[in-house]
Amino acid sequence: MATNLLESAIAATRDVLKGVLASQLRDPTPCDQWDVGQLINHIVGDQFFYLGILAGEVRDNGSSNFSAGDYLATFEVGASLYVEAFANEGVMSETFLLFSSETSGSSLVRIAATDTFVHGWDLARATGQSTDLSPDLAVKLLVAEKIAVSPIVRSVSGSPFAPERTAEVGASQADLLAAYFGRRV
């Protein structure tokens, strides 16, 4: 099934979201620009962002405050909707506009899965949960991203990809993926 990676990333991140305490919402995260509450907003909002891309719309979820309500329930609704949207016949072979570049549905679902998973890792790290998330999925995403994200992309001004960092010997597979995206592990 074309949405397997995405569904696995959602499951891993869902487990982390379940472990977030209300007292942690203002805590810092590995994402310098966001605290835990803002990171939750991004994680939940991204699902609706990708739904917008699939519908040919631009959706700005920046003003939403998902962390003020039942963010887990909203995450579940968004997850269900966007997995269903990606599973529609023909979506994987369609072309979509992501920022200023065109990308195939099959690439977009991988990007969405990686985004969901890596931000789940960020949230786990920020809230003191285990970052050893879904090792098999982390390996698959890392292999795919090493093909898709070249060092040239990292050097572009405004790129969402920080330079790769080195993880300690014995780091989990999810830690290695996070380090690939420039996280300190």
C-alpha atoms as a PDB file:
ATOM      1  CA  MET A   1       0.000   0.000   0.000  1.00  0.00           C
ATOM      2  CA  ALA A   2       1.336   3.407  -0.977  1.00  0.00           C
ATOM      3  CA  THR A   3       0.517   4.946   2.397  1.00  0.00           C
ATOM      4  CA  ASN A   4       2.323   2.413   4.607  1.00  0.00           C
ATOM      5  CA  LEU A   5       5.224   4.736   5.480  1.00  0.00           C
ATOM      6  CA  LEU A   6       2.838   7.568   6.258  1.00  0.00           C
ATOM      7  CA  GLU A   7       0.615   5.390   8.428  1.00  0.00           C
ATOM      8  CA  SER A   8       3.646   4.112  10.347  1.00  0.00           C
ATOM      9  CA  ALA A   9       4.952   7.655  10.864  1.00  0.00           C
ATOM     10  CA  ILE A  10       1.547   8.743  12.126  1.00  0.00           C
ATOM     11  CA  ALA A  11       1.438   5.807  14.565  1.00  0.00           C
ATOM     12  CA  ALA A  12       4.895   6.615  15.966  1.00  0.00           C
ATOM     13  CA  THR A  13       4.082  10.304  16.363  1.00  0.00           C
ATOM     14  CA  ARG A  14       0.645   9.556  17.843  1.00  0.00           C
ATOM     15  CA  ASP A  15       2.361   7.551  20.600  1.00  0.00           C
ATOM     16  CA  VAL A  16       4.601  10.510  21.384  1.00  0.00           C
ATOM     17  CA  LEU A  17       1.688  12.976  21.367  1.00  0.00           C
ATOM     18  CA  LYS A  18      -0.092  10.773  23.926  1.00  0.00           C
ATOM     19  CA  GLY A  19       2.850  11.231  26.298  1.00  0.00           C
ATOM     20  CA  VAL A  20       2.950  15.041  26.255  1.00  0.00           C
ATOM     21  CA  LEU A  21       1.944  16.701  29.520  1.00  0.00           C
ATOM     22  CA  ALA A  22       0.142  20.044  29.639  1.00  0.00           C
ATOM     23  CA  SER A  23       2.974  21.355  31.830  1.00  0.00           C
ATOM     24  CA  GLN A  24       5.436  20.770  28.950  1.00  0.00           C
ATOM     25  CA  LEU A  25       3.753  22.985  26.328  1.00  0.00           C
ATOM     26  CA  ARG A  26       6.168  25.889  26.874  1.00  0.00           C
ATOM     27  CA  ASP A  27       9.294  23.728  27.024  1.00  0.00           C
ATOM     28  CA  PRO A  28      11.954  24.179  24.328  1.00  0.00           C
ATOM     29  CA  THR A  29      12.348  21.720  21.447  1.00  0.00           C
ATOM     30  CA  PRO A  30      15.143  20.766  19.056  1.00  0.00           C
ATOM     31  CA  CYS A  31      13.391  23.111  16.598  1.00  0.00           C
ATOM     32  CA  ASP A  32      14.834  26.455  17.715  1.00  0.00           C
ATOM     33  CA  GLN A  33      11.831  28.463  16.548  1.00  0.00           C
ATOM     34  CA  TRP A  34       9.193  26.377  18.432  1.00  0.00           C
ATOM     35  CA  ASP A  35       8.306  25.386  21.948  1.00  0.00           C
ATOM     36  CA  VAL A  36       6.395  22.120  22.557  1.00  0.00           C
ATOM     37  CA  GLY A  37       2.995  23.740  21.996  1.00  0.00           C
ATOM     38  CA  GLN A  38       4.131  25.339  18.739  1.00  0.00           C
ATOM     39  CA  LEU A  39       5.639  22.049  17.595  1.00  0.00           C
ATOM     40  CA  ILE A  40       2.318  20.309  18.281  1.00  0.00           C
ATOM     41  CA  ASN A  41       0.628  23.034  16.213  1.00  0.00           C
ATOM     42  CA  HIS A  42       3.014  22.265  13.382  1.00  0.00           C
ATOM     43  CA  ILE A  43       2.593  18.490  13.610  1.00  0.00           C
ATOM     44  CA  VAL A  44      -1.206  18.678  13.637  1.00  0.00           C
ATOM     45  CA  GLY A  45      -1.368  21.549  11.148  1.00  0.00           C
ATOM     46  CA  ASP A  46       0.897  19.776   8.676  1.00  0.00           C
ATOM     47  CA  GLN A  47      -1.771  17.170   8.086  1.00  0.00           C
ATOM     48  CA  PHE A  48      -4.163  19.865   6.922  1.00  0.00           C
ATOM     49  CA  PHE A  49      -1.333  21.523   4.974  1.00  0.00           C
ATOM     50  CA  TYR A  50      -0.754  18.321   2.982  1.00  0.00           C
ATOM     51  CA  LEU A  51      -4.507  17.926   2.486  1.00  0.00           C
ATOM     52  CA  GLY A  52      -4.456  21.393   0.964  1.00  0.00           C
ATOM     53  CA  ILE A  53      -1.632  20.470  -1.397  1.00  0.00           C
ATOM     54  CA  LEU A  54      -3.538  17.380  -2.515  1.00  0.00           C
ATOM     55  CA  ALA A  55      -6.610  19.562  -3.137  1.00  0.00           C
ATOM     56  CA  GLY A  56      -4.575  22.167  -5.034  1.00  0.00           C
ATOM     57  CA  GLU A  57      -5.069  24.767  -2.296  1.00  0.00           C
ATOM     58  CA  VAL A  58      -2.742  26.722  -0.066  1.00  0.00           C
ATOM     59  CA  ARG A  59      -3.664  26.289   3.572  1.00  0.00           C
ATOM     60  CA  ASP A  60      -2.051  28.362   6.280  1.00  0.00           C
ATOM     61  CA  ASN A  61      -2.319  26.672   9.642  1.00  0.00           C
ATOM     62  CA  GLY A  62       0.101  29.103  11.286  1.00  0.00           C
ATOM     63  CA  SER A  63      -2.606  30.944  13.200  1.00  0.00           C
ATOM     64  CA  SER A  64      -4.194  27.778  14.637  1.00  0.00           C
ATOM     65  CA  ASN A  65      -3.524  26.834  18.236  1.00  0.00           C
ATOM     66  CA  PHE A  66      -4.112  23.105  18.220  1.00  0.00           C
ATOM     67  CA  SER A  67      -2.242  22.654  21.509  1.00  0.00           C
ATOM     68  CA  ALA A  68      -4.909  24.696  23.347  1.00  0.00           C
ATOM     69  CA  GLY A  69      -7.559  22.055  22.659  1.00  0.00           C
ATOM     70  CA  ASP A  70      -7.716  18.311  22.220  1.00  0.00           C
ATOM     71  CA  TYR A  71      -4.762  18.159  19.848  1.00  0.00           C
ATOM     72  CA  LEU A  72      -4.714  14.369  19.891  1.00  0.00           C
ATOM     73  CA  ALA A  73      -8.313  14.195  18.617  1.00  0.00           C
ATOM     74  CA  THR A  74      -7.549  16.796  15.937  1.00  0.00           C
ATOM     75  CA  PHE A  75      -4.414  14.859  14.998  1.00  0.00           C
ATOM     76  CA  GLU A  76      -6.536  11.707  14.594  1.00  0.00           C
ATOM     77  CA  VAL A  77      -9.031  13.498  12.328  1.00  0.00           C
ATOM     78  CA  GLY A  78      -6.260  15.015  10.209  1.00  0.00           C
ATOM     79  CA  ALA A  79      -4.385  11.720  10.013  1.00  0.00           C
ATOM     80  CA  SER A  80      -7.450   9.858   8.843  1.00  0.00           C
ATOM     81  CA  LEU A  81      -8.282  12.480   6.217  1.00  0.00           C
ATOM     82  CA  TYR A  82      -4.841  12.764   4.756  1.00  0.00           C
ATOM     83  CA  VAL A  83      -4.123   9.033   4.659  1.00  0.00           C
ATOM     84  CA  GLU A  84      -7.448   8.640   2.853  1.00  0.00           C
ATOM     85  CA  ALA A  85      -6.546  11.455   0.433  1.00  0.00           C
ATOM     86  CA  PHE A  86      -3.153   9.913  -0.362  1.00  0.00           C
ATOM     87  CA  ALA A  87      -4.809   6.509  -0.847  1.00  0.00           C
ATOM     88  CA  ASN A  88      -7.134   7.786  -3.585  1.00  0.00           C
ATOM     89  CA  GLU A  89      -6.574   6.146  -6.938  1.00  0.00           C
ATOM     90  CA  GLY A  90      -4.087   7.980  -9.123  1.00  0.00           C
ATOM     91  CA  VAL A  91      -2.727  10.300  -6.426  1.00  0.00           C
ATOM     92  CA  MET A  92       0.741   8.711  -6.391  1.00  0.00           C
ATOM     93  CA  SER A  93       1.260   9.432 -10.081  1.00  0.00           C
ATOM     94  CA  GLU A  94      -0.180  12.970 -10.021  1.00  0.00           C
ATOM     95  CA  THR A  95       2.002  16.064  -9.810  1.00  0.00           C
ATOM     96  CA  PHE A  96       1.550  18.561  -6.978  1.00  0.00           C
ATOM     97  CA  LEU A  97       2.995  21.969  -6.174  1.00  0.00           C
ATOM     98  CA  LEU A  98       5.017  21.933  -2.961  1.00  0.00           C
ATOM     99  CA  PHE A  99       6.218  25.447  -2.252  1.00  0.00           C
ATOM    100  CA  SER A 100       7.760  26.420  -5.583  1.00  0.00           C
ATOM    101  CA  SER A 101       8.540  22.934  -6.893  1.00  0.00           C
ATOM    102  CA  GLU A 102       6.478  20.259  -8.525  1.00  0.00           C
ATOM    103  CA  THR A 103       6.592  16.812  -6.971  1.00  0.00           C
ATOM    104  CA  SER A 104       4.863  13.511  -7.579  1.00  0.00           C
ATOM    105  CA  GLY A 105       2.305  12.111  -5.184  1.00  0.00           C
ATOM    106  CA  SER A 106       4.675   9.252  -4.374  1.00  0.00           C
ATOM    107  CA  SER A 107       7.370  11.760  -3.384  1.00  0.00           C
ATOM    108  CA  LEU A 108       4.894  13.909  -1.489  1.00  0.00           C
ATOM    109  CA  VAL A 109       3.691  10.993   0.660  1.00  0.00           C
ATOM    110  CA  ARG A 110       7.329  10.178   1.537  1.00  0.00           C
ATOM    111  CA  ILE A 111       7.944  13.828   2.433  1.00  0.00           C
ATOM    112  CA  ALA A 112       4.805  13.879   4.594  1.00  0.00           C
ATOM    113  CA  ALA A 113       5.838  10.651   6.337  1.00  0.00           C
ATOM    114  CA  THR A 114       9.338  11.939   7.022  1.00  0.00           C
ATOM    115  CA  ASP A 115       8.040  15.299   8.239  1.00  0.00           C
ATOM    116  CA  THR A 116       5.584  13.606  10.604  1.00  0.00           C
ATOM    117  CA  PHE A 117       8.174  11.157  11.894  1.00  0.00           C
ATOM    118  CA  VAL A 118      11.046  13.602  12.406  1.00  0.00           C
ATOM    119  CA  HIS A 119       8.812  16.081  14.214  1.00  0.00           C
ATOM    120  CA  GLY A 120       7.553  13.185  16.343  1.00  0.00           C
ATOM    121  CA  TRP A 121      11.207  12.605  17.219  1.00  0.00           C
ATOM    122  CA  ASP A 122      11.587  16.326  18.046  1.00  0.00           C
ATOM    123  CA  LEU A 123       8.579  16.120  20.339  1.00  0.00           C
ATOM    124  CA  ALA A 124       9.853  12.958  22.034  1.00  0.00           C
ATOM    125  CA  ARG A 125      13.218  14.588  22.631  1.00  0.00           C
ATOM    126  CA  ALA A 126      11.642  17.773  24.003  1.00  0.00           C
ATOM    127  CA  THR A 127       9.343  15.935  26.408  1.00  0.00           C
ATOM    128  CA  GLY A 128      11.817  13.372  27.740  1.00  0.00           C
ATOM    129  CA  GLN A 129      10.285  10.406  25.935  1.00  0.00           C
ATOM    130  CA  SER A 130      12.267   7.702  24.172  1.00  0.00           C
ATOM    131  CA  THR A 131      13.528   8.780  20.752  1.00  0.00           C
ATOM    132  CA  ASP A 132      13.928   5.176  19.672  1.00  0.00           C
ATOM    133  CA  LEU A 133      10.842   5.435  17.466  1.00  0.00           C
ATOM    134  CA  SER A 134       9.972   2.683  14.981  1.00  0.00           C
ATOM    135  CA  PRO A 135      13.493   1.536  14.012  1.00  0.00           C
ATOM    136  CA  ASP A 136      12.417  -0.176  10.769  1.00  0.00           C
ATOM    137  CA  LEU A 137      10.575   2.927   9.607  1.00  0.00           C
ATOM    138  CA  ALA A 138      13.507   5.168  10.543  1.00  0.00           C
ATOM    139  CA  VAL A 139      15.836   3.051   8.374  1.00  0.00           C
ATOM    140  CA  LYS A 140      13.454   3.186   5.392  1.00  0.00           C
ATOM    141  CA  LEU A 141      13.017   6.946   5.689  1.00  0.00           C
ATOM    142  CA  LEU A 142      16.744   7.562   6.076  1.00  0.00           C
ATOM    143  CA  VAL A 143      17.566   5.527   2.970  1.00  0.00           C
ATOM    144  CA  ALA A 144      14.911   7.390   0.968  1.00  0.00           C
ATOM    145  CA  GLU A 145      15.950  10.818   2.241  1.00  0.00           C
ATOM    146  CA  LYS A 146      19.639  10.234   1.509  1.00  0.00           C
ATOM    147  CA  ILE A 147      18.597   9.754  -2.109  1.00  0.00           C
ATOM    148  CA  ALA A 148      16.134  12.669  -2.155  1.00  0.00           C
ATOM    149  CA  VAL A 149      17.934  15.374  -0.125  1.00  0.00           C
ATOM    150  CA  SER A 150      21.272  16.241  -1.640  1.00  0.00           C
ATOM    151  CA  PRO A 151      23.947  18.376   0.031  1.00  0.00           C
ATOM    152  CA  ILE A 152      23.193  21.045  -2.594  1.00  0.00           C
ATOM    153  CA  VAL A 153      19.676  21.449  -1.201  1.00  0.00           C
ATOM    154  CA  ARG A 154      21.096  22.006   2.278  1.00  0.00           C
ATOM    155  CA  SER A 155      23.196  24.925   1.079  1.00  0.00           C
ATOM    156  CA  VAL A 156      20.283  26.879  -0.396  1.00  0.00           C
ATOM    157  CA  SER A 157      19.326  29.929   1.655  1.00  0.00           C
ATOM    158  CA  GLY A 158      16.054  29.299   3.474  1.00  0.00           C
ATOM    159  CA  SER A 159      16.312  25.525   3.048  1.00  0.00           C
ATOM    160  CA  PRO A 160      14.368  23.586   5.706  1.00  0.00           C
ATOM    161  CA  PHE A 161      17.269  21.139   5.885  1.00  0.00           C
ATOM    162  CA  ALA A 162      20.098  21.915   8.254  1.00  0.00           C
ATOM    163  CA  PRO A 163      23.542  20.447   7.664  1.00  0.00           C
ATOM    164  CA  GLU A 164      23.819  16.815   8.707  1.00  0.00           C
ATOM    165  CA  ARG A 165      25.204  16.170  12.185  1.00  0.00           C
ATOM    166  CA  THR A 166      27.040  13.157  13.515  1.00  0.00           C
ATOM    167  CA  ALA A 167      25.209  10.889  15.921  1.00  0.00           C
ATOM    168  CA  GLU A 168      26.972   9.039  18.700  1.00  0.00           C
ATOM    169  CA  VAL A 169      27.970   5.432  18.202  1.00  0.00           C
ATOM    170  CA  GLY A 170      25.036   3.256  19.217  1.00  0.00           C
ATOM    171  CA  ALA A 171      22.420   5.916  18.462  1.00  0.00           C
ATOM    172  CA  SER A 172      18.976   4.627  17.561  1.00  0.00           C
ATOM    173  CA  GLN A 173      17.856   4.537  13.931  1.00  0.00           C
ATOM    174  CA  ALA A 174      15.474   7.433  14.619  1.00  0.00           C
ATOM    175  CA  ASP A 175      18.366   9.388  16.161  1.00  0.00           C
ATOM    176  CA  LEU A 176      20.407   8.770  12.985  1.00  0.00           C
ATOM    177  CA  LEU A 177      17.531  10.106  10.869  1.00  0.00           C
ATOM    178  CA  ALA A 178      17.212  13.157  13.126  1.00  0.00           C
ATOM    179  CA  ALA A 179      20.971  13.785  12.879  1.00  0.00           C
ATOM    180  CA  TYR A 180      20.697  13.548   9.095  1.00  0.00           C
ATOM    181  CA  PHE A 181      18.233  16.441   9.291  1.00  0.00           C
ATOM    182  CA  GLY A 182      20.584  18.473  11.452  1.00  0.00           C
ATOM    183  CA  ARG A 183      19.244  17.670  14.899  1.00  0.00           C
ATOM    184  CA  ARG A 184      21.622  17.407  17.842  1.00  0.00           C
ATOM    185  CA  VAL A 185      21.301  13.873  19.170  1.00  0.00           C
END
